[in-house]
Amino acid sequence: MIRNMVLQLSTWPARSHATSKSKVDNSSACLHSTIRVTLSTVVVLVGSIQSVLGQPNIAPQNDAPNPFQTISEWAKMPSGREWGSTGGVDMDPDGSHLWVAERCGGNSCSESDLDPILKFDPEGNLVTSFGAGMLLQPHGLHVDQGGNVWVTDAQGPDEEAPQQEGKGHVVLKFSARGDLLLTLGTPGIGLAGRNTLDQPCDVVTAPDGTVYVADGHGGQLPGAGPHTTARIVKFSADGTYLFEWGSHGTQDGEFRTPHAIDLDPQGRVVVADRGNDRLQVFTPDGDFVESFYQYSRPSGLHISDDYTVYVADSASSRNGQHPGWEYGIRIGNLQDGSLTAFIDGSNPEGVTVSADGTIYGAVVAYGGALLKYTQATTPRVPK
């Protein structure tokens, strides 16, 4: 497919809001003209301009102001229950209640009889829970417009643990009461097929009920390669397989762990390609549109109706990942590629935003947590 793209050629300053790959860095000259090209027919060469098909080598974006304060230990677990790793989080359709996928006080629910799917009110009171014994490692969580709760199970069964047999590698759709309505994938079978999934990371639904699953959690592991599952799978509302796109790699349309997925107001599919330190944008048919690198190493993703994007980075500067970048939540806008705020100091994997603008972060590492971020009286600029 032929796409026209506007290439803005300019030198990036140290604190530049690095734009999408359709905006190319010219490292040798300061060019402030805009060149409209058709990518299928024209190659633009200006000095040492970086290829539009290559990954921009941009400076770490850690300097945006932080207008939020972080609140911990605000959500209350039942007596005797401790927080565990918490990956998936999304808002209820009412815009105030919060749904969370919590891993039963640890990093797995495989040997637990606790409910991993939790609903909290804005004051942090637990109002309902369900899902005990149905998931091994709840990962991504999405609430559709009808209030149904979708959860991915990104772990497969251990052959030496009989109680895990027939579980994992699925996406489960529940009613708000906890009734199981639909299963995508074959429980216990980790395979990238039409009727099977392989460590699904996240799920999102379109207003017409179409389902997109980000499948494959092993893209960053040693030994990952062409055999590694890294794809987006599209299903109809009733769970019928439609088609898929993507494979393991670094080129446009390839992934090294599609860790989160969301839809922008146009219905375009935005994927948090964590291992490649970028967001990738696609049409609903899977055609590549553009990439954004300024939001760091994305683990979680939320897009508002005005294209504001909230990107949770849980991994940068940990264990040698994405050196120079700091973990936190970066906030910008997908229409212009801006980066306007950076909530530093915590490392959530999941992120969502309530109707009143409160941000919530689900933390997997260091034992897990559910954090709240509210507007601070005086914005703080990171050091």
Protein backbone atom coordinates (compact mmCIF):
# COMPACT_ATOMS: atom_id res chain seq x y z
CA MET A 1 0.00 0.00 0.00
CA ILE A 2 1.27 3.44 -0.94
CA ARG A 3 1.32 5.91 1.89
CA ASN A 4 2.19 9.59 1.74
CA MET A 5 4.21 10.76 4.70
CA VAL A 6 5.46 14.17 5.75
CA LEU A 7 9.11 14.01 6.78
CA GLN A 8 10.10 16.85 9.08
CA LEU A 9 13.88 17.17 8.79
CA SER A 10 15.53 18.86 11.74
CA THR A 11 18.33 18.48 14.24
CA TRP A 12 17.12 17.21 17.62
CA PRO A 13 18.30 19.13 20.67
CA ALA A 14 19.20 17.32 23.87
CA ARG A 15 15.68 17.62 25.27
CA SER A 16 13.85 17.24 21.99
CA HIS A 17 10.41 15.68 21.97
CA ALA A 18 11.52 12.99 19.55
CA THR A 19 8.81 12.35 17.01
CA SER A 20 7.64 9.27 15.18
CA LYS A 21 9.75 7.45 12.63
CA SER A 22 7.99 9.48 9.95
CA LYS A 23 9.97 12.45 11.32
CA VAL A 24 13.60 11.95 10.50
CA ASP A 25 16.68 13.24 12.31
CA ASN A 26 19.25 15.12 10.25
CA SER A 27 22.47 14.88 12.26
CA SER A 28 24.55 17.15 10.05
CA ALA A 29 22.38 20.13 9.13
CA CYS A 30 19.49 22.06 10.56
CA LEU A 31 16.77 21.74 7.93
CA HIS A 32 13.44 23.25 8.82
CA SER A 33 11.63 22.50 5.60
CA THR A 34 8.94 19.87 5.20
CA ILE A 35 9.28 17.39 2.35
CA ARG A 36 6.29 15.39 1.22
CA VAL A 37 7.29 12.10 -0.29
CA THR A 38 5.71 8.88 -1.40
CA LEU A 39 7.69 6.18 0.35
CA SER A 40 7.10 3.59 -2.32
CA THR A 41 8.81 5.64 -5.01
CA VAL A 42 11.21 8.13 -3.49
CA VAL A 43 14.31 7.85 -1.34
CA VAL A 44 15.45 11.08 0.31
CA LEU A 45 19.16 11.38 1.09
CA VAL A 46 20.37 14.49 2.87
CA GLY A 47 23.84 14.22 4.40
CA SER A 48 23.72 11.65 7.16
CA ILE A 49 19.94 11.65 7.64
CA GLN A 50 18.87 8.52 9.40
CA SER A 51 16.83 6.10 7.29
CA VAL A 52 13.08 6.32 7.82
CA LEU A 53 13.13 2.53 8.11
CA GLY A 54 15.74 2.49 10.88
CA GLN A 55 15.44 2.96 14.60
CA PRO A 56 16.16 6.56 15.63
CA ASN A 57 19.05 6.93 18.04
CA ILE A 58 17.46 9.54 20.25
CA ALA A 59 18.67 10.89 23.56
CA PRO A 60 16.92 9.54 26.68
CA GLN A 61 13.73 11.46 27.39
CA ASN A 62 13.79 11.82 31.19
CA ASP A 63 13.41 15.59 31.61
CA ALA A 64 9.71 16.34 31.13
CA PRO A 65 8.03 17.87 34.22
CA ASN A 66 6.15 15.69 36.68
CA PRO A 67 2.87 17.37 37.66
CA PHE A 68 1.68 14.35 39.67
CA GLN A 69 2.13 13.00 43.17
CA THR A 70 2.29 9.25 43.77
CA ILE A 71 -0.01 7.65 46.35
CA SER A 72 0.68 4.11 47.53
CA GLU A 73 -1.21 1.74 49.83
CA TRP A 74 -4.51 3.44 49.06
CA ALA A 75 -6.36 0.29 47.89
CA LYS A 76 -7.43 -2.09 50.66
CA MET A 77 -7.11 -5.86 50.39
CA PRO A 78 -9.26 -8.15 52.56
CA SER A 79 -7.81 -8.92 55.96
CA GLY A 80 -4.91 -11.32 55.74
CA ARG A 81 -4.33 -10.88 52.01
CA GLU A 82 -1.19 -9.20 50.71
CA TRP A 83 -0.60 -7.51 47.38
CA GLY A 84 1.21 -9.54 44.75
CA SER A 85 2.45 -8.71 41.27
CA THR A 86 -0.21 -6.65 39.52
CA GLY A 87 -0.06 -6.37 35.75
CA GLY A 88 -3.45 -5.59 34.22
CA VAL A 89 -5.57 -2.58 35.09
CA ASP A 90 -8.49 -0.79 33.41
CA MET A 91 -11.41 1.46 34.25
CA ASP A 92 -14.99 0.33 34.58
CA PRO A 93 -17.36 1.98 32.06
CA ASP A 94 -18.57 4.24 34.87
CA GLY A 95 -15.17 5.97 34.75
CA SER A 96 -14.52 5.73 38.48
CA HIS A 97 -14.34 2.07 39.53
CA LEU A 98 -11.13 0.18 38.79
CA TRP A 99 -10.53 -3.40 37.65
CA VAL A 100 -7.21 -5.10 38.44
CA ALA A 101 -5.51 -8.41 37.62
CA GLU A 102 -3.47 -9.35 40.69
CA ARG A 103 -1.38 -12.52 40.95
CA CYS A 104 -2.72 -13.96 44.19
CA GLY A 105 -0.16 -12.43 46.54
CA GLY A 106 2.85 -13.54 44.49
CA ASN A 107 3.73 -13.72 40.81
CA SER A 108 1.47 -16.66 39.97
CA CYS A 109 -1.96 -17.99 40.87
CA SER A 110 -1.10 -21.57 39.96
CA GLU A 111 -1.21 -22.84 43.55
CA SER A 112 -3.71 -20.38 45.00
CA ASP A 113 -7.45 -20.37 45.64
CA LEU A 114 -7.61 -16.55 45.77
CA ASP A 115 -9.58 -14.45 43.29
CA PRO A 116 -7.16 -12.68 40.91
CA ILE A 117 -9.68 -10.31 39.30
CA LEU A 118 -10.53 -7.45 41.63
CA LYS A 119 -12.78 -4.39 41.40
CA PHE A 120 -12.16 -1.33 43.60
CA ASP A 121 -14.15 1.84 44.17
CA PRO A 122 -12.39 5.25 44.01
CA GLU A 123 -11.71 5.14 47.76
CA GLY A 124 -9.85 1.84 47.43
CA ASN A 125 -12.54 -0.46 48.82
CA LEU A 126 -12.79 -3.89 47.23
CA VAL A 127 -16.33 -4.28 45.88
CA THR A 128 -16.14 -7.58 43.99
CA SER A 129 -13.70 -10.32 42.99
CA PHE A 130 -13.71 -13.57 41.02
CA GLY A 131 -11.61 -15.95 38.91
CA ALA A 132 -10.16 -18.27 41.58
CA GLY A 133 -8.56 -21.37 40.09
CA MET A 134 -9.05 -20.24 36.49
CA LEU A 135 -5.77 -18.48 35.68
CA LEU A 136 -2.10 -19.27 36.15
CA GLN A 137 -0.59 -15.81 35.59
CA PRO A 138 -3.13 -13.06 34.88
CA HIS A 139 -1.36 -10.48 32.75
CA GLY A 140 -3.33 -8.01 30.63
CA LEU A 141 -6.81 -6.78 31.55
CA HIS A 142 -9.34 -4.88 29.43
CA VAL A 143 -12.90 -3.78 30.18
CA ASP A 144 -15.11 -3.38 27.11
CA GLN A 145 -17.91 -0.88 26.60
CA GLY A 146 -20.46 -3.37 27.91
CA GLY A 147 -18.57 -3.80 31.18
CA ASN A 148 -17.24 -7.26 30.37
CA VAL A 149 -13.77 -8.02 31.74
CA TRP A 150 -11.13 -9.61 29.48
CA VAL A 151 -8.00 -11.13 31.03
CA THR A 152 -4.98 -12.74 29.39
CA ASP A 153 -3.20 -15.69 30.97
CA ALA A 154 0.44 -15.38 29.89
CA GLN A 155 1.73 -18.57 31.49
CA GLY A 156 1.43 -22.21 30.48
CA PRO A 157 1.09 -25.30 32.66
CA ASP A 158 4.04 -26.97 34.35
CA GLU A 159 4.15 -30.67 33.44
CA GLU A 160 5.26 -31.46 36.97
CA ALA A 161 2.25 -29.68 38.49
CA PRO A 162 -0.93 -31.67 37.74
CA GLN A 163 -3.16 -28.91 39.12
CA GLN A 164 -2.05 -26.64 36.25
CA GLU A 165 -3.11 -29.02 33.49
CA GLY A 166 -5.58 -27.50 31.05
CA LYS A 167 -4.87 -23.91 32.11
CA GLY A 168 -2.98 -20.96 30.62
CA HIS A 169 -2.25 -19.55 27.14
CA VAL A 170 -5.76 -18.09 26.85
CA VAL A 171 -7.83 -14.91 26.89
CA LEU A 172 -10.89 -15.18 29.11
CA LYS A 173 -13.95 -12.93 28.80
CA PHE A 174 -16.02 -12.55 31.97
CA SER A 175 -19.21 -10.72 32.75
CA ALA A 176 -18.97 -8.11 35.48
CA ARG A 177 -20.41 -10.75 37.83
CA GLY A 178 -17.64 -13.22 36.98
CA ASP A 179 -19.48 -15.51 34.56
CA LEU A 180 -17.15 -16.93 31.91
CA LEU A 181 -18.54 -15.85 28.54
CA LEU A 182 -15.80 -16.69 26.02
CA THR A 183 -12.38 -18.31 25.79
CA LEU A 184 -9.86 -17.44 23.08
CA GLY A 185 -7.15 -20.03 22.62
CA THR A 186 -7.02 -23.61 23.85
CA PRO A 187 -6.38 -23.88 27.60
CA GLY A 188 -2.99 -25.40 28.34
CA ILE A 189 -1.75 -25.37 24.73
CA GLY A 190 0.93 -22.77 23.93
CA LEU A 191 1.07 -22.52 20.16
CA ALA A 192 0.68 -19.70 17.64
CA GLY A 193 -2.26 -21.10 15.70
CA ARG A 194 -5.75 -20.12 14.62
CA ASN A 195 -7.34 -21.72 17.67
CA THR A 196 -4.38 -21.49 20.05
CA LEU A 197 -2.38 -18.71 21.65
CA ASP A 198 1.14 -18.62 23.05
CA GLN A 199 1.64 -16.53 26.20
CA PRO A 200 -0.85 -13.76 25.28
CA CYS A 201 0.16 -10.43 26.82
CA ASP A 202 -2.84 -8.15 26.33
CA VAL A 203 -6.24 -7.74 24.69
CA VAL A 204 -8.44 -4.87 23.51
CA THR A 205 -11.85 -4.68 21.83
CA ALA A 206 -13.24 -2.23 19.27
CA PRO A 207 -16.70 -0.63 19.60
CA ASP A 208 -18.08 -3.19 17.11
CA GLY A 209 -16.82 -6.04 19.27
CA THR A 210 -13.76 -6.93 17.20
CA VAL A 211 -11.01 -8.36 19.42
CA TYR A 212 -7.26 -7.80 19.10
CA VAL A 213 -4.84 -9.97 21.07
CA ALA A 214 -1.14 -9.17 21.54
CA ASP A 215 0.33 -12.66 21.55
CA GLY A 216 3.83 -13.71 22.65
CA HIS A 217 5.74 -12.85 25.83
CA GLY A 218 9.10 -14.44 24.99
CA GLY A 219 10.49 -12.00 22.45
CA GLN A 220 13.18 -10.60 24.74
CA LEU A 221 14.47 -13.88 26.13
CA PRO A 222 17.89 -15.33 25.24
CA GLY A 223 17.50 -17.53 22.20
CA ALA A 224 14.44 -15.71 20.84
CA GLY A 225 14.27 -15.63 17.07
CA PRO A 226 12.06 -16.34 14.05
CA HIS A 227 10.49 -19.27 15.89
CA THR A 228 9.33 -16.99 18.74
CA THR A 229 5.68 -15.98 18.85
CA ALA A 230 5.26 -12.23 18.31
CA ARG A 231 2.00 -11.35 16.60
CA ILE A 232 -1.31 -9.51 16.73
CA VAL A 233 -4.34 -11.77 16.29
CA LYS A 234 -7.70 -10.38 15.21
CA PHE A 235 -10.96 -12.12 16.14
CA SER A 236 -14.60 -11.35 15.49
CA ALA A 237 -16.86 -10.53 18.43
CA ASP A 238 -17.90 -14.18 18.77
CA GLY A 239 -14.26 -15.35 18.91
CA THR A 240 -13.88 -16.45 15.29
CA TYR A 241 -10.28 -16.13 14.07
CA LEU A 242 -10.02 -13.53 11.29
CA PHE A 243 -6.33 -12.99 10.58
CA GLU A 244 -3.03 -12.05 12.18
CA TRP A 245 0.07 -10.01 11.48
CA GLY A 246 3.60 -9.70 12.82
CA SER A 247 6.57 -11.91 13.60
CA HIS A 248 9.68 -11.73 15.76
CA GLY A 249 12.16 -9.05 14.66
CA THR A 250 13.04 -5.38 14.58
CA GLN A 251 11.59 -4.15 11.29
CA ASP A 252 8.26 -2.37 10.79
CA GLY A 253 5.47 -4.78 11.66
CA GLU A 254 7.76 -7.04 13.66
CA PHE A 255 7.88 -7.30 17.45
CA ARG A 256 10.09 -8.31 20.35
CA THR A 257 7.26 -8.86 22.81
CA PRO A 258 4.01 -7.04 21.94
CA HIS A 259 3.41 -6.36 25.61
CA ALA A 260 0.35 -4.10 25.50
CA ILE A 261 -2.26 -3.00 22.98
CA ASP A 262 -4.86 -0.24 22.69
CA LEU A 263 -6.91 1.57 20.05
CA ASP A 264 -6.67 5.27 19.23
CA PRO A 265 -9.75 7.40 18.48
CA GLN A 266 -9.51 6.48 14.78
CA GLY A 267 -9.61 2.80 15.63
CA ARG A 268 -5.95 2.32 14.73
CA VAL A 269 -4.16 -0.43 16.62
CA VAL A 270 -1.30 0.80 18.83
CA VAL A 271 1.13 -1.84 20.09
CA ALA A 272 3.67 -1.50 22.90
CA ASP A 273 6.61 -3.27 21.26
CA ARG A 274 8.61 -3.49 24.47
CA GLY A 275 11.74 -5.27 23.29
CA ASN A 276 12.18 -2.75 20.46
CA ASP A 277 11.61 0.30 22.72
CA ARG A 278 8.78 1.69 20.62
CA LEU A 279 5.08 2.04 19.97
CA GLN A 280 3.92 0.79 16.58
CA VAL A 281 0.71 2.03 14.95
CA PHE A 282 -1.31 -0.05 12.48
CA THR A 283 -4.58 0.21 10.60
CA PRO A 284 -7.30 -2.24 11.70
CA ASP A 285 -6.19 -4.39 8.75
CA GLY A 286 -2.66 -4.65 10.10
CA ASP A 287 -0.96 -2.18 7.73
CA PHE A 288 1.96 -0.38 9.36
CA VAL A 289 1.52 3.39 9.79
CA GLU A 290 4.32 4.73 12.02
CA SER A 291 6.41 4.19 15.14
CA PHE A 292 7.19 6.31 18.20
CA TYR A 293 10.39 5.91 20.22
CA GLN A 294 10.19 8.87 22.59
CA TYR A 295 7.98 7.03 25.09
CA SER A 296 10.83 4.66 26.02
CA ARG A 297 10.45 0.92 26.70
CA PRO A 298 6.68 0.43 26.83
CA SER A 299 5.08 -2.19 29.07
CA GLY A 300 1.62 -0.62 29.46
CA LEU A 301 -0.51 1.67 27.33
CA HIS A 302 -3.60 3.84 27.64
CA ILE A 303 -4.93 6.20 24.95
CA SER A 304 -7.60 8.82 25.68
CA ASP A 305 -10.24 10.18 23.33
CA ASP A 306 -8.09 13.26 22.59
CA TYR A 307 -5.07 11.10 21.55
CA THR A 308 -3.30 11.65 24.86
CA VAL A 309 -1.11 8.61 25.39
CA TYR A 310 0.05 7.26 28.74
CA VAL A 311 2.96 4.83 28.44
CA ALA A 312 4.13 2.77 31.42
CA ASP A 313 7.83 1.86 31.31
CA SER A 314 8.63 -0.77 33.92
CA ALA A 315 11.98 -1.94 32.61
CA SER A 316 14.34 0.85 31.52
CA SER A 317 17.68 0.96 33.37
CA ARG A 318 16.88 -2.32 35.12
CA ASN A 319 19.19 -5.27 34.39
CA GLY A 320 20.87 -3.36 31.58
CA GLN A 321 17.67 -2.68 29.65
CA HIS A 322 17.44 0.55 27.64
CA PRO A 323 20.38 2.23 29.41
CA GLY A 324 20.15 5.96 30.07
CA TRP A 325 16.35 5.93 30.14
CA GLU A 326 14.46 5.91 33.43
CA TYR A 327 11.36 3.89 34.19
CA GLY A 328 8.08 5.65 34.91
CA ILE A 329 5.01 6.87 33.02
CA ARG A 330 5.48 9.15 30.00
CA ILE A 331 2.56 11.23 28.80
CA GLY A 332 2.23 12.78 25.36
CA ASN A 333 0.01 12.94 22.32
CA LEU A 334 -0.05 10.63 19.31
CA GLN A 335 -1.20 13.33 16.91
CA ASP A 336 1.98 15.37 17.19
CA GLY A 337 4.35 12.97 18.97
CA SER A 338 4.74 15.33 21.90
CA LEU A 339 6.06 14.31 25.31
CA THR A 340 4.62 16.61 27.96
CA ALA A 341 5.06 14.87 31.32
CA PHE A 342 7.11 12.14 32.97
CA ILE A 343 6.01 10.52 36.24
CA ASP A 344 9.28 9.15 37.53
CA GLY A 345 10.08 7.12 40.62
CA SER A 346 7.83 4.08 40.08
CA ASN A 347 7.76 1.29 37.52
CA PRO A 348 4.23 0.13 36.68
CA GLU A 349 3.53 -2.34 33.87
CA GLY A 350 -0.14 -1.43 33.50
CA VAL A 351 -1.67 2.04 33.30
CA THR A 352 -5.17 3.47 33.04
CA VAL A 353 -6.89 6.83 33.61
CA SER A 354 -10.20 7.63 35.28
CA ALA A 355 -12.80 10.11 34.04
CA ASP A 356 -11.50 12.75 36.49
CA GLY A 357 -7.89 12.40 35.26
CA THR A 358 -6.54 10.25 38.07
CA ILE A 359 -3.87 7.87 36.77
CA TYR A 360 -3.47 4.33 38.09
CA GLY A 361 -0.39 2.14 37.75
CA ALA A 362 -0.19 -1.62 38.24
CA VAL A 363 3.24 -2.75 39.44
CA VAL A 364 4.62 -6.26 38.87
CA ALA A 365 8.16 -5.89 40.28
CA TYR A 366 9.31 -5.69 43.90
CA GLY A 367 6.32 -7.60 45.22
CA GLY A 368 3.66 -5.68 43.33
CA ALA A 369 1.48 -2.67 44.06
CA LEU A 370 -1.44 -0.59 42.82
CA LEU A 371 -0.45 3.07 42.67
CA LYS A 372 -2.50 6.23 42.23
CA TYR A 373 -1.18 9.45 40.66
CA THR A 374 -3.00 12.73 41.27
CA GLN A 375 -2.23 16.30 40.26
CA ALA A 376 0.38 17.87 42.54
CA THR A 377 0.06 21.43 43.80
CA THR A 378 3.51 22.30 42.46
CA PRO A 379 4.81 20.37 39.43
CA ARG A 380 8.20 18.79 40.04
CA VAL A 381 10.94 18.69 37.41
CA PRO A 382 13.01 15.46 37.54
CA LYS A 383 16.72 15.91 38.25
